[in-house]
Amino acid sequence: MFRAEMDEHTYLAILEERHAQELFDLINESRDSIRKWLDFPDKTIAVDDTKAFIRRSLSRFANNNGYWAGIWHHGQIAGSIGFLWIDWDAKRTEIGYWLGSEFEGNGLMTKACHAFIAHAFNELHLRKIEIGAATNNIKSRAIPERLGFTQEGIMRNYERLHDQYLDRVVYGLIKDEWHR
């Protein structure tokens, strides 16, 4: 299935059910760092939960409404990135992502986002990409800032995570800005 080389040690590939154990193990090893900003680790209790997520992602892929890919680095799954949805009328999407804690700080997610941006604009012919992150999630916010996204606004009390409400900053990138 879909595979994109990012460099000699790193590639992206559509998540398939055969990746469920490896992905679950990464989530389990990085549970504390991931759950600081995302709620899915608390809902991922067993490999079957990961298989169900992958099946949902493949269904979205089949319905042309987004998908998730794994990020492999030196032969190990390092994290995941995906188009959360695709609005074909407005020609826009949102990218979501996370990395296992041992893979942070190596530029992997910036490279993965760059590949997804190029795919969205050059192959899917979308016009806009959004990335959202909790306002206090400095590491996640650094990626769209590094890639030239514009901060478009802050949505207050956007989500409830671990009994607290988090504000969300939304970044946007228009196709014409990317090609400049």
N, C-alpha and C. Protein backbone atom coordinates (compact mmCIF):
# COMPACT_ATOMS: atom_id res chain seq x y z
N MET A 1 0.85 -1.18 0.00
CA MET A 1 0.00 0.00 0.00
C MET A 1 0.90 1.24 0.00
N PHE A 2 0.31 2.41 0.15
CA PHE A 2 1.00 3.69 0.13
C PHE A 2 2.24 3.69 1.03
N ARG A 3 3.36 4.13 0.46
CA ARG A 3 4.60 4.28 1.22
C ARG A 3 5.35 5.45 0.61
N ALA A 4 5.85 6.34 1.48
CA ALA A 4 6.60 7.50 1.01
C ALA A 4 7.90 7.59 1.79
N GLU A 5 9.00 7.60 1.09
CA GLU A 5 10.32 7.72 1.72
C GLU A 5 10.55 9.18 2.09
N MET A 6 10.95 9.42 3.34
CA MET A 6 11.26 10.79 3.76
C MET A 6 12.76 11.04 3.72
N ASP A 7 13.54 10.04 4.07
CA ASP A 7 14.99 10.07 3.94
C ASP A 7 15.46 8.62 3.98
N GLU A 8 16.75 8.40 4.02
CA GLU A 8 17.26 7.02 3.94
C GLU A 8 16.89 6.17 5.15
N HIS A 9 16.47 6.79 6.26
CA HIS A 9 16.14 6.04 7.47
C HIS A 9 14.66 6.11 7.85
N THR A 10 13.88 6.92 7.14
CA THR A 10 12.53 7.23 7.59
C THR A 10 11.53 7.17 6.43
N TYR A 11 10.38 6.55 6.70
CA TYR A 11 9.32 6.53 5.69
C TYR A 11 7.95 6.57 6.36
N LEU A 12 6.96 6.91 5.56
CA LEU A 12 5.55 6.90 5.96
C LEU A 12 4.86 5.76 5.23
N ALA A 13 3.91 5.12 5.89
CA ALA A 13 3.11 4.08 5.24
C ALA A 13 1.72 4.08 5.86
N ILE A 14 0.72 3.85 5.03
CA ILE A 14 -0.66 3.74 5.53
C ILE A 14 -0.69 2.65 6.59
N LEU A 15 -1.35 2.95 7.70
CA LEU A 15 -1.48 1.95 8.75
C LEU A 15 -2.41 0.82 8.30
N GLU A 16 -1.97 -0.40 8.53
CA GLU A 16 -2.75 -1.59 8.22
C GLU A 16 -2.87 -2.42 9.50
N GLU A 17 -3.83 -3.34 9.52
CA GLU A 17 -4.05 -4.14 10.73
C GLU A 17 -2.79 -4.89 11.18
N ARG A 18 -1.94 -5.26 10.24
CA ARG A 18 -0.72 -5.98 10.61
C ARG A 18 0.23 -5.12 11.45
N HIS A 19 0.00 -3.81 11.50
CA HIS A 19 0.82 -2.90 12.29
C HIS A 19 0.28 -2.71 13.72
N ALA A 20 -0.85 -3.32 14.02
CA ALA A 20 -1.55 -3.03 15.28
C ALA A 20 -0.69 -3.31 16.51
N GLN A 21 -0.03 -4.43 16.56
CA GLN A 21 0.76 -4.75 17.76
C GLN A 21 1.90 -3.75 17.95
N GLU A 22 2.61 -3.47 16.88
CA GLU A 22 3.73 -2.53 16.94
C GLU A 22 3.25 -1.14 17.35
N LEU A 23 2.14 -0.69 16.79
CA LEU A 23 1.59 0.61 17.13
C LEU A 23 1.11 0.63 18.58
N PHE A 24 0.43 -0.42 19.00
CA PHE A 24 -0.03 -0.51 20.39
C PHE A 24 1.15 -0.46 21.36
N ASP A 25 2.21 -1.19 21.05
CA ASP A 25 3.40 -1.20 21.93
C ASP A 25 3.99 0.20 22.06
N LEU A 26 4.04 0.95 20.95
CA LEU A 26 4.56 2.31 21.00
C LEU A 26 3.67 3.20 21.86
N ILE A 27 2.36 3.08 21.67
CA ILE A 27 1.43 3.86 22.49
C ILE A 27 1.62 3.51 23.96
N ASN A 28 1.74 2.24 24.25
CA ASN A 28 1.89 1.78 25.63
C ASN A 28 3.18 2.31 26.26
N GLU A 29 4.27 2.29 25.50
CA GLU A 29 5.57 2.77 26.00
C GLU A 29 5.57 4.29 26.21
N SER A 30 4.77 5.00 25.44
CA SER A 30 4.76 6.46 25.49
C SER A 30 3.46 7.01 26.05
N ARG A 31 2.71 6.17 26.70
CA ARG A 31 1.37 6.52 27.18
C ARG A 31 1.35 7.84 27.95
N ASP A 32 2.26 8.01 28.90
CA ASP A 32 2.25 9.22 29.74
C ASP A 32 2.51 10.49 28.93
N SER A 33 3.47 10.44 28.03
CA SER A 33 3.78 11.65 27.26
C SER A 33 2.68 11.98 26.24
N ILE A 34 2.08 10.96 25.63
CA ILE A 34 1.02 11.21 24.64
C ILE A 34 -0.23 11.72 25.33
N ARG A 35 -0.61 11.09 26.44
CA ARG A 35 -1.88 11.44 27.09
C ARG A 35 -1.85 12.83 27.72
N LYS A 36 -0.67 13.42 27.80
CA LYS A 36 -0.60 14.79 28.30
C LYS A 36 -1.40 15.74 27.42
N TRP A 37 -1.48 15.43 26.11
CA TRP A 37 -2.15 16.32 25.17
C TRP A 37 -3.28 15.66 24.38
N LEU A 38 -3.38 14.34 24.41
CA LEU A 38 -4.39 13.63 23.63
C LEU A 38 -5.10 12.60 24.49
N ASP A 39 -6.34 12.30 24.14
CA ASP A 39 -7.11 11.38 24.98
C ASP A 39 -7.08 9.93 24.53
N PHE A 40 -6.58 9.64 23.31
CA PHE A 40 -6.69 8.28 22.82
C PHE A 40 -5.90 7.24 23.61
N PRO A 41 -4.79 7.58 24.30
CA PRO A 41 -4.13 6.52 25.07
C PRO A 41 -5.02 5.93 26.16
N ASP A 42 -5.89 6.75 26.74
CA ASP A 42 -6.79 6.23 27.77
C ASP A 42 -7.85 5.29 27.20
N LYS A 43 -8.09 5.39 25.91
CA LYS A 43 -9.07 4.54 25.24
C LYS A 43 -8.40 3.35 24.54
N THR A 44 -7.07 3.31 24.58
CA THR A 44 -6.31 2.26 23.92
C THR A 44 -5.76 1.33 24.99
N ILE A 45 -6.58 0.36 25.38
CA ILE A 45 -6.25 -0.52 26.49
C ILE A 45 -5.66 -1.84 26.01
N ALA A 46 -6.03 -2.25 24.80
CA ALA A 46 -5.59 -3.54 24.26
C ALA A 46 -5.30 -3.40 22.77
N VAL A 47 -4.61 -4.38 22.21
CA VAL A 47 -4.29 -4.37 20.78
C VAL A 47 -5.56 -4.28 19.94
N ASP A 48 -6.65 -4.87 20.40
CA ASP A 48 -7.91 -4.80 19.65
C ASP A 48 -8.38 -3.36 19.49
N ASP A 49 -8.10 -2.50 20.47
CA ASP A 49 -8.45 -1.08 20.34
C ASP A 49 -7.67 -0.45 19.20
N THR A 50 -6.41 -0.81 19.07
CA THR A 50 -5.57 -0.29 18.00
C THR A 50 -6.04 -0.84 16.65
N LYS A 51 -6.41 -2.11 16.61
CA LYS A 51 -6.95 -2.68 15.37
C LYS A 51 -8.21 -1.95 14.94
N ALA A 52 -9.08 -1.65 15.90
CA ALA A 52 -10.32 -0.93 15.58
C ALA A 52 -10.02 0.46 15.02
N PHE A 53 -9.04 1.15 15.60
CA PHE A 53 -8.63 2.46 15.09
C PHE A 53 -8.13 2.33 13.65
N ILE A 54 -7.30 1.34 13.39
CA ILE A 54 -6.76 1.15 12.04
C ILE A 54 -7.89 0.84 11.06
N ARG A 55 -8.83 0.00 11.46
CA ARG A 55 -9.97 -0.30 10.58
C ARG A 55 -10.77 0.97 10.26
N ARG A 56 -10.99 1.82 11.28
CA ARG A 56 -11.70 3.09 11.03
C ARG A 56 -10.91 3.97 10.06
N SER A 57 -9.60 4.00 10.23
CA SER A 57 -8.76 4.80 9.35
C SER A 57 -8.81 4.27 7.92
N LEU A 58 -8.77 2.96 7.75
CA LEU A 58 -8.84 2.37 6.41
C LEU A 58 -10.20 2.61 5.77
N SER A 59 -11.23 2.63 6.59
CA SER A 59 -12.57 2.94 6.08
C SER A 59 -12.63 4.39 5.59
N ARG A 60 -12.04 5.30 6.36
CA ARG A 60 -12.00 6.71 5.92
C ARG A 60 -11.21 6.82 4.62
N PHE A 61 -10.10 6.08 4.54
CA PHE A 61 -9.28 6.08 3.33
C PHE A 61 -10.12 5.60 2.14
N ALA A 62 -10.85 4.50 2.32
CA ALA A 62 -11.68 3.95 1.25
C ALA A 62 -12.79 4.92 0.85
N ASN A 63 -13.26 5.71 1.81
CA ASN A 63 -14.32 6.69 1.53
C ASN A 63 -13.77 8.05 1.13
N ASN A 64 -12.45 8.12 0.92
CA ASN A 64 -11.81 9.36 0.47
C ASN A 64 -12.03 10.50 1.45
N ASN A 65 -11.94 10.17 2.76
CA ASN A 65 -12.19 11.17 3.79
C ASN A 65 -11.08 11.16 4.84
N GLY A 66 -9.83 11.09 4.39
CA GLY A 66 -8.70 11.12 5.30
C GLY A 66 -8.15 9.74 5.59
N TYR A 67 -7.05 9.69 6.32
CA TYR A 67 -6.42 8.42 6.72
C TYR A 67 -5.27 8.72 7.66
N TRP A 68 -4.78 7.68 8.30
CA TRP A 68 -3.60 7.77 9.16
C TRP A 68 -2.48 6.92 8.59
N ALA A 69 -1.27 7.44 8.73
CA ALA A 69 -0.07 6.71 8.31
C ALA A 69 0.85 6.56 9.52
N GLY A 70 1.62 5.50 9.50
CA GLY A 70 2.66 5.33 10.50
C GLY A 70 3.93 6.01 10.01
N ILE A 71 4.75 6.41 10.97
CA ILE A 71 6.07 6.97 10.68
C ILE A 71 7.08 5.95 11.17
N TRP A 72 7.87 5.40 10.25
CA TRP A 72 8.90 4.43 10.63
C TRP A 72 10.27 5.09 10.54
N HIS A 73 11.09 4.85 11.55
CA HIS A 73 12.43 5.42 11.61
C HIS A 73 13.39 4.31 12.05
N HIS A 74 14.39 4.06 11.24
CA HIS A 74 15.34 2.97 11.50
C HIS A 74 14.61 1.65 11.78
N GLY A 75 13.57 1.38 10.99
CA GLY A 75 12.85 0.12 11.08
C GLY A 75 11.84 0.01 12.21
N GLN A 76 11.68 1.06 13.02
CA GLN A 76 10.73 1.03 14.14
C GLN A 76 9.64 2.06 13.89
N ILE A 77 8.42 1.71 14.32
CA ILE A 77 7.36 2.71 14.23
C ILE A 77 7.63 3.78 15.28
N ALA A 78 7.59 5.03 14.85
CA ALA A 78 7.96 6.15 15.72
C ALA A 78 6.75 7.01 16.11
N GLY A 79 5.68 6.91 15.34
CA GLY A 79 4.51 7.72 15.60
C GLY A 79 3.53 7.60 14.47
N SER A 80 2.59 8.54 14.42
CA SER A 80 1.55 8.49 13.41
C SER A 80 1.15 9.91 13.02
N ILE A 81 0.70 10.03 11.78
CA ILE A 81 0.25 11.29 11.23
C ILE A 81 -0.94 11.01 10.33
N GLY A 82 -1.90 11.93 10.30
CA GLY A 82 -3.05 11.67 9.46
C GLY A 82 -3.79 12.91 9.03
N PHE A 83 -4.56 12.74 7.95
CA PHE A 83 -5.55 13.71 7.57
C PHE A 83 -6.80 13.33 8.35
N LEU A 84 -7.22 14.19 9.29
CA LEU A 84 -8.34 13.86 10.16
C LEU A 84 -9.65 13.77 9.39
N TRP A 85 -9.80 14.53 8.34
CA TRP A 85 -10.96 14.57 7.47
C TRP A 85 -10.55 15.33 6.22
N ILE A 86 -11.34 15.26 5.19
CA ILE A 86 -11.11 16.07 3.99
C ILE A 86 -12.46 16.67 3.58
N ASP A 87 -12.50 17.97 3.50
CA ASP A 87 -13.67 18.70 3.01
C ASP A 87 -13.40 18.98 1.53
N TRP A 88 -13.97 18.14 0.67
CA TRP A 88 -13.70 18.25 -0.76
C TRP A 88 -14.35 19.49 -1.37
N ASP A 89 -15.45 19.97 -0.82
CA ASP A 89 -16.09 21.19 -1.35
C ASP A 89 -15.20 22.40 -1.11
N ALA A 90 -14.70 22.54 0.10
CA ALA A 90 -13.83 23.67 0.44
C ALA A 90 -12.36 23.39 0.12
N LYS A 91 -12.07 22.14 -0.24
CA LYS A 91 -10.71 21.70 -0.57
C LYS A 91 -9.73 21.98 0.58
N ARG A 92 -10.12 21.49 1.77
CA ARG A 92 -9.26 21.68 2.93
C ARG A 92 -9.25 20.42 3.80
N THR A 93 -8.25 20.35 4.68
CA THR A 93 -8.10 19.23 5.58
C THR A 93 -7.42 19.70 6.85
N GLU A 94 -7.36 18.80 7.83
CA GLU A 94 -6.60 19.06 9.05
C GLU A 94 -5.64 17.90 9.27
N ILE A 95 -4.42 18.23 9.63
CA ILE A 95 -3.41 17.21 9.94
C ILE A 95 -3.33 17.05 11.45
N GLY A 96 -3.33 15.79 11.88
CA GLY A 96 -3.09 15.45 13.28
C GLY A 96 -1.84 14.58 13.37
N TYR A 97 -1.19 14.58 14.52
CA TYR A 97 0.04 13.80 14.64
C TYR A 97 0.43 13.57 16.09
N TRP A 98 1.29 12.57 16.28
CA TRP A 98 1.90 12.30 17.59
C TRP A 98 3.13 11.42 17.37
N LEU A 99 4.06 11.53 18.29
CA LEU A 99 5.29 10.71 18.26
C LEU A 99 5.46 9.99 19.58
N GLY A 100 6.10 8.82 19.51
CA GLY A 100 6.53 8.15 20.72
C GLY A 100 7.61 8.99 21.37
N SER A 101 7.66 8.95 22.69
CA SER A 101 8.56 9.85 23.43
C SER A 101 10.02 9.68 23.05
N GLU A 102 10.46 8.48 22.74
CA GLU A 102 11.88 8.29 22.43
C GLU A 102 12.27 8.85 21.06
N PHE A 103 11.28 9.24 20.25
CA PHE A 103 11.56 9.75 18.90
C PHE A 103 11.42 11.26 18.79
N GLU A 104 11.06 11.91 19.88
CA GLU A 104 10.88 13.36 19.86
C GLU A 104 12.22 14.07 19.71
N GLY A 105 12.17 15.25 19.11
CA GLY A 105 13.35 16.10 19.02
C GLY A 105 14.30 15.78 17.89
N ASN A 106 13.89 14.93 16.94
CA ASN A 106 14.76 14.56 15.82
C ASN A 106 14.29 15.11 14.48
N GLY A 107 13.24 15.94 14.50
CA GLY A 107 12.73 16.52 13.26
C GLY A 107 11.84 15.58 12.47
N LEU A 108 11.51 14.42 13.02
CA LEU A 108 10.70 13.45 12.28
C LEU A 108 9.32 14.00 11.94
N MET A 109 8.67 14.65 12.90
CA MET A 109 7.32 15.12 12.63
C MET A 109 7.30 16.28 11.66
N THR A 110 8.31 17.13 11.71
CA THR A 110 8.37 18.21 10.73
C THR A 110 8.51 17.63 9.33
N LYS A 111 9.35 16.61 9.16
CA LYS A 111 9.50 15.95 7.85
C LYS A 111 8.21 15.28 7.42
N ALA A 112 7.54 14.61 8.37
CA ALA A 112 6.29 13.93 8.04
C ALA A 112 5.22 14.94 7.64
N CYS A 113 5.11 16.03 8.37
CA CYS A 113 4.14 17.07 8.01
C CYS A 113 4.46 17.66 6.65
N HIS A 114 5.73 17.88 6.38
CA HIS A 114 6.14 18.41 5.07
C HIS A 114 5.67 17.47 3.96
N ALA A 115 5.84 16.17 4.16
CA ALA A 115 5.40 15.20 3.15
C ALA A 115 3.88 15.22 2.99
N PHE A 116 3.15 15.33 4.09
CA PHE A 116 1.69 15.38 4.02
C PHE A 116 1.22 16.66 3.36
N ILE A 117 1.88 17.76 3.63
CA ILE A 117 1.52 19.03 3.00
C ILE A 117 1.72 18.94 1.49
N ALA A 118 2.87 18.44 1.08
CA ALA A 118 3.14 18.29 -0.36
C ALA A 118 2.10 17.38 -1.01
N HIS A 119 1.75 16.29 -0.35
CA HIS A 119 0.73 15.37 -0.88
C HIS A 119 -0.62 16.06 -0.99
N ALA A 120 -1.00 16.80 0.04
CA ALA A 120 -2.31 17.47 0.04
C ALA A 120 -2.40 18.50 -1.08
N PHE A 121 -1.36 19.30 -1.25
CA PHE A 121 -1.41 20.36 -2.25
C PHE A 121 -1.13 19.86 -3.67
N ASN A 122 -0.15 18.99 -3.83
CA ASN A 122 0.29 18.60 -5.17
C ASN A 122 -0.48 17.41 -5.75
N GLU A 123 -0.95 16.50 -4.91
CA GLU A 123 -1.63 15.32 -5.43
C GLU A 123 -3.14 15.33 -5.17
N LEU A 124 -3.54 15.80 -3.99
CA LEU A 124 -4.98 15.87 -3.69
C LEU A 124 -5.59 17.18 -4.17
N HIS A 125 -4.74 18.14 -4.52
CA HIS A 125 -5.17 19.45 -5.04
C HIS A 125 -6.07 20.20 -4.05
N LEU A 126 -5.71 20.09 -2.77
CA LEU A 126 -6.43 20.85 -1.75
C LEU A 126 -5.90 22.28 -1.74
N ARG A 127 -6.67 23.18 -1.13
CA ARG A 127 -6.30 24.60 -1.10
C ARG A 127 -5.82 25.06 0.28
N LYS A 128 -6.23 24.33 1.34
CA LYS A 128 -5.89 24.77 2.68
C LYS A 128 -5.68 23.58 3.60
N ILE A 129 -4.71 23.72 4.50
CA ILE A 129 -4.42 22.72 5.53
C ILE A 129 -4.44 23.42 6.87
N GLU A 130 -5.07 22.78 7.84
CA GLU A 130 -5.10 23.30 9.21
C GLU A 130 -4.38 22.33 10.14
N ILE A 131 -3.80 22.89 11.18
CA ILE A 131 -3.22 22.10 12.28
C ILE A 131 -3.67 22.78 13.56
N GLY A 132 -4.19 22.01 14.49
CA GLY A 132 -4.60 22.54 15.78
C GLY A 132 -3.83 21.88 16.90
N ALA A 133 -3.60 22.63 17.96
CA ALA A 133 -2.89 22.11 19.13
C ALA A 133 -3.33 22.88 20.36
N ALA A 134 -3.22 22.24 21.50
CA ALA A 134 -3.49 22.96 22.75
C ALA A 134 -2.51 24.12 22.86
N THR A 135 -2.98 25.24 23.36
CA THR A 135 -2.13 26.43 23.41
C THR A 135 -0.85 26.20 24.21
N ASN A 136 -0.88 25.35 25.21
CA ASN A 136 0.31 25.08 26.03
C ASN A 136 1.21 24.00 25.47
N ASN A 137 0.82 23.37 24.37
CA ASN A 137 1.62 22.30 23.78
C ASN A 137 2.66 22.90 22.84
N ILE A 138 3.71 23.39 23.43
CA ILE A 138 4.75 24.14 22.70
C ILE A 138 5.41 23.29 21.62
N LYS A 139 5.70 22.02 21.90
CA LYS A 139 6.35 21.16 20.91
C LYS A 139 5.48 20.97 19.67
N SER A 140 4.19 20.73 19.89
CA SER A 140 3.29 20.53 18.76
C SER A 140 3.09 21.82 17.98
N ARG A 141 3.01 22.93 18.66
CA ARG A 141 2.83 24.22 18.00
C ARG A 141 4.04 24.61 17.17
N ALA A 142 5.22 24.17 17.56
CA ALA A 142 6.44 24.54 16.85
C ALA A 142 6.44 24.02 15.42
N ILE A 143 5.76 22.91 15.17
CA ILE A 143 5.79 22.31 13.83
C ILE A 143 5.10 23.19 12.80
N PRO A 144 3.83 23.58 12.98
CA PRO A 144 3.24 24.46 11.95
C PRO A 144 3.95 25.81 11.87
N GLU A 145 4.45 26.30 13.00
CA GLU A 145 5.19 27.57 12.96
C GLU A 145 6.45 27.43 12.13
N ARG A 146 7.15 26.32 12.28
CA ARG A 146 8.37 26.06 11.52
C ARG A 146 8.08 25.91 10.03
N LEU A 147 6.89 25.40 9.70
CA LEU A 147 6.54 25.12 8.31
C LEU A 147 5.81 26.28 7.62
N GLY A 148 5.73 27.42 8.28
CA GLY A 148 5.18 28.61 7.63
C GLY A 148 3.68 28.78 7.73
N PHE A 149 3.03 28.04 8.62
CA PHE A 149 1.60 28.21 8.83
C PHE A 149 1.36 29.55 9.53
N THR A 150 0.15 30.08 9.35
CA THR A 150 -0.27 31.31 10.01
C THR A 150 -1.19 30.95 11.17
N GLN A 151 -0.94 31.55 12.32
CA GLN A 151 -1.85 31.36 13.44
C GLN A 151 -3.14 32.10 13.13
N GLU A 152 -4.25 31.36 13.07
CA GLU A 152 -5.52 31.95 12.68
C GLU A 152 -6.42 32.29 13.85
N GLY A 153 -6.15 31.72 15.00
CA GLY A 153 -6.98 32.05 16.15
C GLY A 153 -6.86 31.03 17.27
N ILE A 154 -7.47 31.39 18.38
CA ILE A 154 -7.50 30.51 19.55
C ILE A 154 -8.95 30.28 19.92
N MET A 155 -9.31 29.00 20.03
CA MET A 155 -10.65 28.63 20.46
C MET A 155 -10.58 28.29 21.94
N ARG A 156 -11.29 29.06 22.72
CA ARG A 156 -11.25 28.89 24.18
C ARG A 156 -12.08 27.69 24.60
N ASN A 157 -11.60 27.00 25.63
CA ASN A 157 -12.28 25.82 26.16
C ASN A 157 -12.69 24.86 25.04
N TYR A 158 -11.78 24.61 24.13
CA TYR A 158 -12.08 23.79 22.95
C TYR A 158 -12.33 22.33 23.29
N GLU A 159 -11.53 21.80 24.21
CA GLU A 159 -11.68 20.39 24.55
C GLU A 159 -11.45 20.15 26.03
N ARG A 160 -12.05 19.08 26.50
CA ARG A 160 -11.88 18.68 27.89
C ARG A 160 -10.96 17.47 27.91
N LEU A 161 -9.89 17.59 28.66
CA LEU A 161 -8.91 16.52 28.75
C LEU A 161 -8.49 16.37 30.20
N HIS A 162 -8.72 15.19 30.76
CA HIS A 162 -8.34 14.90 32.14
C HIS A 162 -8.91 15.93 33.11
N ASP A 163 -10.20 16.17 32.99
CA ASP A 163 -10.94 17.06 33.89
C ASP A 163 -10.50 18.51 33.85
N GLN A 164 -9.89 18.92 32.76
CA GLN A 164 -9.60 20.34 32.59
C GLN A 164 -9.90 20.74 31.15
N TYR A 165 -10.22 22.00 30.97
CA TYR A 165 -10.52 22.51 29.63
C TYR A 165 -9.28 23.15 29.04
N LEU A 166 -9.01 22.79 27.79
CA LEU A 166 -7.84 23.32 27.09
C LEU A 166 -8.27 24.24 25.96
N ASP A 167 -7.55 25.33 25.81
CA ASP A 167 -7.73 26.19 24.66
C ASP A 167 -6.94 25.59 23.50
N ARG A 168 -7.41 25.86 22.29
CA ARG A 168 -6.77 25.29 21.10
C ARG A 168 -6.38 26.42 20.15
N VAL A 169 -5.15 26.39 19.69
CA VAL A 169 -4.70 27.33 18.68
C VAL A 169 -4.81 26.63 17.33
N VAL A 170 -5.32 27.36 16.34
CA VAL A 170 -5.49 26.82 15.00
C VAL A 170 -4.56 27.55 14.05
N TYR A 171 -3.82 26.76 13.29
CA TYR A 171 -2.91 27.28 12.27
C TYR A 171 -3.45 26.90 10.90
N GLY A 172 -3.22 27.75 9.91
CA GLY A 172 -3.65 27.45 8.55
C GLY A 172 -2.55 27.75 7.56
N LEU A 173 -2.56 26.97 6.49
CA LEU A 173 -1.62 27.18 5.39
C LEU A 173 -2.40 27.07 4.09
N ILE A 174 -2.34 28.12 3.28
CA ILE A 174 -3.00 28.16 1.98
C ILE A 174 -1.99 27.70 0.92
N LYS A 175 -2.47 27.00 -0.07
CA LYS A 175 -1.60 26.44 -1.11
C LYS A 175 -0.67 27.49 -1.72
N ASP A 176 -1.17 28.68 -2.01
CA ASP A 176 -0.34 29.73 -2.61
C ASP A 176 0.80 30.14 -1.68
N GLU A 177 0.57 30.11 -0.38
CA GLU A 177 1.62 30.44 0.58
C GLU A 177 2.72 29.38 0.59
N TRP A 178 2.32 28.13 0.42
CA TRP A 178 3.28 27.02 0.44
C TRP A 178 4.25 27.13 -0.73
N HIS A 179 3.75 27.50 -1.87
CA HIS A 179 4.60 27.52 -3.06
C HIS A 179 5.48 28.78 -3.15
N ARG A 180 5.24 29.75 -2.26
CA ARG A 180 6.09 30.95 -2.27
C ARG A 180 7.42 30.63 -1.73
